[in-house]
Amino acid sequence: MEEIFNRRSIRKFQDRPVEKEKIDKLLRAAMQAPSAANQQPWEFIVVEDKDTLNTLSEMSLYSKSVAGSGVTLVLLANSNDFKVSTAWQQDLGAAAQNILLEATHLELGAVWLGVATADSAVEYIKDLYRLPEHIKPFALIAIGYPDGQKNEFVDRYRAQKVHYEKWQ
């Protein structure tokens, strides 16, 4: 799949909206992700409003690219859906990767911005959206039409990282 090899983190976007049909395809791709015990705990907030994108971009030093995106998806987990409570981040990680690959396929650029990795980011998202306790912030994915950057192949394969049958 070319998308796997060509996908890159795109942080600068054209001032252009992302079509509703493409947003729908991104969300459908996310929900096709594998999930522990098929719990599918994901929830999504679709953000297109420029004022809200600007506010969302203030989450951390690393989230500035959100302000210029055509759309940003807020990935959340609903703990009421947990069957395997320790697997929700893996489930959401798979959904995030599917979004990134579908964005590449649709000739969009995207960047995954961690939320669950920083308590301050989690609190920012909880406060901004007044989330109930059972909704857990995971990540933001800023998406848009690339402005200058490209999704293109960079060889990251490192043979020394592969071990057969035993360590070393």
Protein backbone atom coordinates (compact mmCIF):
# COMPACT_ATOMS: atom_id res chain seq x y z
CA MET A 1 0.00 0.00 0.00
CA GLU A 2 1.62 3.22 -1.14
CA GLU A 3 -0.09 5.20 1.60
CA ILE A 4 1.89 3.37 4.29
CA PHE A 5 5.20 4.26 2.71
CA ASN A 6 4.32 7.79 1.59
CA ARG A 7 2.52 9.12 4.67
CA ARG A 8 4.31 11.96 6.47
CA SER A 9 3.33 14.39 9.20
CA ILE A 10 2.05 17.47 7.38
CA ARG A 11 1.85 20.57 9.56
CA LYS A 12 1.16 23.38 7.09
CA PHE A 13 -2.08 23.57 5.17
CA GLN A 14 -3.65 25.60 2.39
CA ASP A 15 -6.49 27.92 3.41
CA ARG A 16 -9.06 25.55 1.96
CA PRO A 17 -11.86 23.52 3.56
CA VAL A 18 -11.92 19.75 3.49
CA GLU A 19 -15.01 18.47 1.73
CA LYS A 20 -17.72 16.76 3.83
CA GLU A 21 -17.40 13.61 1.70
CA LYS A 22 -13.72 13.34 2.58
CA ILE A 23 -14.39 13.93 6.27
CA ASP A 24 -16.95 11.13 6.14
CA LYS A 25 -14.38 8.80 4.51
CA LEU A 26 -11.83 9.66 7.21
CA LEU A 27 -14.31 8.83 9.98
CA ARG A 28 -15.39 5.62 8.26
CA ALA A 29 -11.73 4.59 7.95
CA ALA A 30 -11.23 5.27 11.66
CA MET A 31 -14.17 3.08 12.63
CA GLN A 32 -12.83 0.17 10.55
CA ALA A 33 -9.85 -0.13 12.91
CA PRO A 34 -9.27 -3.30 14.92
CA SER A 35 -10.43 -3.09 18.51
CA ALA A 36 -9.90 -5.26 21.59
CA ALA A 37 -12.92 -7.52 22.08
CA ASN A 38 -14.55 -5.38 19.34
CA GLN A 39 -15.27 -2.73 21.99
CA GLN A 40 -14.95 0.18 19.52
CA PRO A 41 -14.73 2.82 22.27
CA TRP A 42 -14.06 5.72 19.90
CA GLU A 43 -15.95 8.98 19.72
CA PHE A 44 -15.02 11.94 17.50
CA ILE A 45 -15.51 15.68 17.52
CA VAL A 46 -15.20 17.21 14.05
CA VAL A 47 -13.90 20.78 14.24
CA GLU A 48 -14.07 23.08 11.21
CA ASP A 49 -14.88 26.47 12.77
CA LYS A 50 -11.81 28.75 12.50
CA ASP A 51 -12.30 30.29 15.96
CA THR A 52 -12.55 26.87 17.56
CA LEU A 53 -9.52 25.63 15.60
CA ASN A 54 -7.55 28.62 16.91
CA THR A 55 -8.61 27.83 20.48
CA LEU A 56 -7.80 24.15 20.00
CA SER A 57 -4.36 25.06 18.63
CA GLU A 58 -3.48 26.53 22.02
CA MET A 59 -3.58 23.09 23.67
CA SER A 60 0.23 22.80 23.64
CA LEU A 61 3.40 24.07 21.99
CA TYR A 62 3.05 21.30 19.41
CA SER A 63 -0.58 21.88 18.39
CA LYS A 64 -0.13 25.19 16.53
CA SER A 65 -0.76 23.49 13.15
CA VAL A 66 -4.39 22.95 14.16
CA ALA A 67 -5.12 26.65 13.55
CA GLY A 68 -4.36 26.31 9.84
CA SER A 69 -6.07 22.99 9.26
CA GLY A 70 -9.21 22.61 7.19
CA VAL A 71 -10.57 20.22 9.81
CA THR A 72 -9.28 18.74 13.03
CA LEU A 73 -10.62 15.53 14.51
CA VAL A 74 -10.64 15.16 18.28
CA LEU A 75 -10.31 11.47 19.11
CA LEU A 76 -11.93 10.38 22.36
CA ALA A 77 -12.67 7.10 24.12
CA ASN A 78 -15.95 6.30 25.84
CA SER A 79 -15.12 4.22 28.92
CA ASN A 80 -18.74 3.02 29.07
CA ASP A 81 -17.87 0.92 25.99
CA PHE A 82 -14.78 -0.71 27.51
CA LYS A 83 -14.71 -4.49 27.56
CA VAL A 84 -10.92 -4.49 27.91
CA SER A 85 -10.19 -1.37 29.94
CA THR A 86 -6.43 -1.53 29.38
CA ALA A 87 -6.71 -1.55 25.57
CA TRP A 88 -8.47 1.72 24.75
CA GLN A 89 -5.30 3.56 23.75
CA GLN A 90 -4.37 0.75 21.37
CA ASP A 91 -7.85 0.88 19.86
CA LEU A 92 -7.66 4.65 19.39
CA GLY A 93 -4.11 4.37 18.03
CA ALA A 94 -5.34 2.00 15.33
CA ALA A 95 -8.20 4.39 14.50
CA ALA A 96 -5.74 7.30 14.31
CA GLN A 97 -3.45 5.40 11.96
CA ASN A 98 -6.39 4.56 9.70
CA ILE A 99 -7.29 8.26 9.54
CA LEU A 100 -3.72 9.19 8.61
CA LEU A 101 -3.56 6.56 5.87
CA GLU A 102 -6.95 7.53 4.45
CA ALA A 103 -5.91 11.21 4.49
CA THR A 104 -2.86 10.29 2.41
CA HIS A 105 -5.06 8.26 0.05
CA LEU A 106 -7.38 11.28 -0.36
CA GLU A 107 -4.37 13.53 -1.16
CA LEU A 108 -4.73 15.35 2.13
CA GLY A 109 -2.06 16.06 4.69
CA ALA A 110 -2.43 15.26 8.36
CA VAL A 111 -0.55 15.28 11.64
CA TRP A 112 -1.27 13.26 14.78
CA LEU A 113 -1.01 15.32 17.96
CA GLY A 114 -0.94 13.42 21.23
CA VAL A 115 -3.34 14.39 23.98
CA ALA A 116 -3.36 11.33 26.27
CA THR A 117 0.43 11.64 26.58
CA ALA A 118 0.24 14.87 28.62
CA ASP A 119 -2.01 15.56 31.60
CA SER A 120 -2.14 19.27 30.71
CA ALA A 121 -3.43 18.44 27.21
CA VAL A 122 -6.03 16.04 28.60
CA GLU A 123 -7.28 18.72 30.99
CA TYR A 124 -7.34 21.33 28.21
CA ILE A 125 -9.56 19.14 26.02
CA LYS A 126 -11.76 18.09 28.94
CA ASP A 127 -12.30 21.73 29.91
CA LEU A 128 -12.75 23.03 26.37
CA TYR A 129 -15.45 20.50 25.54
CA ARG A 130 -16.84 20.06 29.07
CA LEU A 131 -16.39 16.32 28.72
CA PRO A 132 -18.09 13.96 31.16
CA GLU A 133 -15.83 11.73 33.24
CA HIS A 134 -16.38 8.65 31.06
CA ILE A 135 -15.04 10.40 27.92
CA LYS A 136 -11.25 10.22 27.69
CA PRO A 137 -9.27 12.48 25.33
CA PHE A 138 -6.73 10.65 23.19
CA ALA A 139 -5.44 12.76 20.29
CA LEU A 140 -6.04 15.49 17.74
CA ILE A 141 -5.51 14.94 14.05
CA ALA A 142 -5.14 18.15 12.06
CA ILE A 143 -6.05 17.62 8.40
CA GLY A 144 -6.02 19.74 5.28
CA TYR A 145 -4.58 20.24 1.85
CA PRO A 146 -0.78 20.35 2.14
CA ASP A 147 0.92 23.69 1.59
CA GLY A 148 4.50 22.98 0.55
CA GLN A 149 5.04 19.65 2.28
CA LYS A 150 4.38 16.37 0.50
CA ASN A 151 3.42 12.86 1.41
CA GLU A 152 6.40 11.09 -0.13
CA PHE A 153 8.56 8.06 0.50
CA VAL A 154 11.42 8.21 2.99
CA ASP A 155 13.09 4.86 3.67
CA ARG A 156 12.93 4.20 7.42
CA TYR A 157 13.75 0.49 7.32
CA ARG A 158 16.60 -0.44 9.67
CA ALA A 159 17.74 -4.08 9.43
CA GLN A 160 19.51 -3.84 12.81
CA LYS A 161 16.11 -3.36 14.47
CA VAL A 162 14.92 -6.81 13.35
CA HIS A 163 15.67 -9.86 15.51
CA TYR A 164 14.82 -13.43 14.51
CA GLU A 165 13.94 -16.00 17.14
CA LYS A 166 15.95 -14.31 19.92
CA TRP A 167 17.41 -10.98 20.99
CA GLN A 168 20.54 -10.32 18.91
